[in-house]
Protein backbone atom coordinates (compact mmCIF):
# COMPACT_ATOMS: atom_id res chain seq x y z
CA MET A 1 0.00 0.00 0.00
CA ALA A 2 2.81 2.44 0.87
CA ALA A 3 4.44 1.88 -2.53
CA ALA A 4 1.16 2.66 -4.32
CA THR A 5 0.76 5.83 -2.28
CA ALA A 6 4.31 6.99 -3.04
CA ALA A 7 3.81 6.31 -6.75
CA SER A 8 0.66 8.44 -6.85
CA VAL A 9 2.39 11.33 -5.04
CA ASN A 10 5.54 11.21 -7.20
CA PRO A 11 4.59 9.85 -10.63
CA PRO A 12 7.37 8.51 -12.84
CA PRO A 13 8.90 11.07 -15.24
CA SER A 14 6.84 9.71 -18.14
CA GLN A 15 3.69 10.79 -16.26
CA GLN A 16 4.89 14.30 -15.34
CA PRO A 17 2.84 17.01 -17.05
CA ALA A 18 4.45 18.68 -20.05
CA PRO A 19 5.97 22.05 -19.11
CA LYS A 20 3.87 25.13 -19.76
CA ALA A 21 5.20 28.58 -20.61
CA VAL A 22 3.37 31.89 -20.60
CA ARG A 23 4.56 35.43 -21.29
CA VAL A 24 2.75 37.99 -19.15
CA VAL A 25 2.54 41.76 -19.13
CA VAL A 26 1.57 43.19 -15.75
CA LYS A 27 -0.02 46.65 -15.66
CA GLY A 28 -0.63 49.09 -12.81
CA ARG A 29 1.74 50.52 -10.20
CA VAL A 30 4.36 47.83 -10.78
CA GLN A 31 7.64 49.74 -11.16
CA GLY A 32 9.59 51.09 -8.21
CA VAL A 33 7.68 48.84 -5.79
CA PHE A 34 10.00 45.77 -5.59
CA PHE A 35 7.86 43.95 -8.20
CA ARG A 36 10.73 42.39 -10.19
CA ASP A 37 12.60 41.13 -7.12
CA TRP A 38 9.34 39.84 -5.64
CA THR A 39 8.61 38.03 -8.93
CA VAL A 40 12.06 36.41 -8.94
CA GLU A 41 11.65 35.22 -5.33
CA THR A 42 8.09 33.95 -5.88
CA ALA A 43 8.86 32.20 -9.17
CA ARG A 44 11.93 30.49 -7.71
CA ALA A 45 9.88 29.34 -4.69
CA LEU A 46 7.39 27.76 -7.13
CA GLY A 47 10.22 26.08 -9.07
CA LEU A 48 9.64 28.08 -12.26
CA ALA A 49 12.16 29.03 -14.92
CA GLY A 50 12.08 32.28 -16.85
CA TRP A 51 12.73 35.98 -16.42
CA VAL A 52 11.19 39.31 -15.47
CA ARG A 53 11.96 42.87 -16.63
CA ASN A 54 10.62 46.40 -16.55
CA ARG A 55 9.39 47.86 -19.81
CA ARG A 56 9.78 51.49 -20.81
CA ASP A 57 5.98 51.83 -21.03
CA GLY A 58 5.69 51.36 -17.24
CA THR A 59 4.62 47.71 -17.30
CA VAL A 60 6.48 44.62 -16.12
CA GLU A 61 6.97 41.69 -18.50
CA ALA A 62 7.76 38.11 -17.46
CA LEU A 63 8.20 34.69 -19.01
CA LEU A 64 7.07 31.88 -16.69
CA SER A 65 7.91 28.27 -17.54
CA GLY A 66 7.47 25.00 -15.65
CA ASP A 67 4.82 22.80 -14.08
CA PRO A 68 1.44 23.89 -15.50
CA ALA A 69 -0.20 24.10 -12.06
CA LYS A 70 2.62 26.32 -10.74
CA VAL A 71 2.53 28.58 -13.82
CA ASP A 72 -1.25 28.91 -13.41
CA GLU A 73 -0.86 29.69 -9.70
CA MET A 74 1.64 32.45 -10.48
CA ILE A 75 -0.65 34.00 -13.12
CA SER A 76 -3.99 33.67 -11.35
CA ARG A 77 -3.09 34.02 -7.65
CA ARG A 78 0.34 35.59 -7.19
CA LEU A 79 0.87 38.22 -9.92
CA PRO A 80 -2.56 39.89 -9.51
CA VAL A 81 -1.61 40.70 -5.90
CA GLY A 82 2.14 41.32 -6.19
CA PRO A 83 4.26 42.77 -3.40
CA PRO A 84 2.63 45.04 -0.78
CA ALA A 85 3.40 48.38 -2.49
CA ALA A 86 2.13 47.28 -5.92
CA ALA A 87 -1.31 48.02 -7.36
CA VAL A 88 -1.88 45.58 -10.22
CA THR A 89 -4.65 46.52 -12.65
CA ALA A 90 -4.16 43.76 -15.26
CA VAL A 91 -2.20 40.58 -15.96
CA LEU A 92 -2.18 39.87 -19.70
CA PRO A 93 -0.97 36.33 -20.58
CA SER A 94 0.06 34.96 -23.97
CA PRO A 95 1.51 31.53 -24.92
CA ALA A 96 5.26 31.03 -25.09
CA ASP A 97 7.77 28.22 -25.66
CA PRO A 98 8.89 26.38 -22.48
CA LEU A 99 12.42 26.96 -21.20
CA ASP A 100 14.91 24.44 -19.89
CA PRO A 101 14.35 24.30 -16.09
CA SER A 102 18.13 24.52 -15.55
CA GLU A 103 18.00 28.15 -16.76
CA GLY A 104 16.38 29.16 -13.47
CA PHE A 105 14.56 32.46 -12.99
CA GLN A 106 16.35 35.76 -13.62
CA ARG A 107 15.86 39.50 -13.58
CA LYS A 108 16.63 41.06 -16.96
CA PRO A 109 17.43 44.67 -17.92
CA THR A 110 14.65 47.07 -18.92
CA ALA A 111 13.41 46.68 -22.49
């Protein structure tokens, strides 16, 4: 019984969900409020790969890649709230190509 339970908790690699990747643009008061560093910390805690950067138009852009449930959690639950000083008005997702998990999650220069 214990072996069956362990197998259902940690499925073999062939049963792992295919990685999901989403590019998001976050609008609102999201620059100068620790949003990029918060995104790096939160994404790493969820085990996601990707990057985050400020954009010259005042938005923040990120690429999130990894376990589909963790990507969805970041988009639907974490980014809409952000760090305490942020005031997010929109999170706009679009599909992207998954990254290699070994790339980790990084902060990139403003684009």
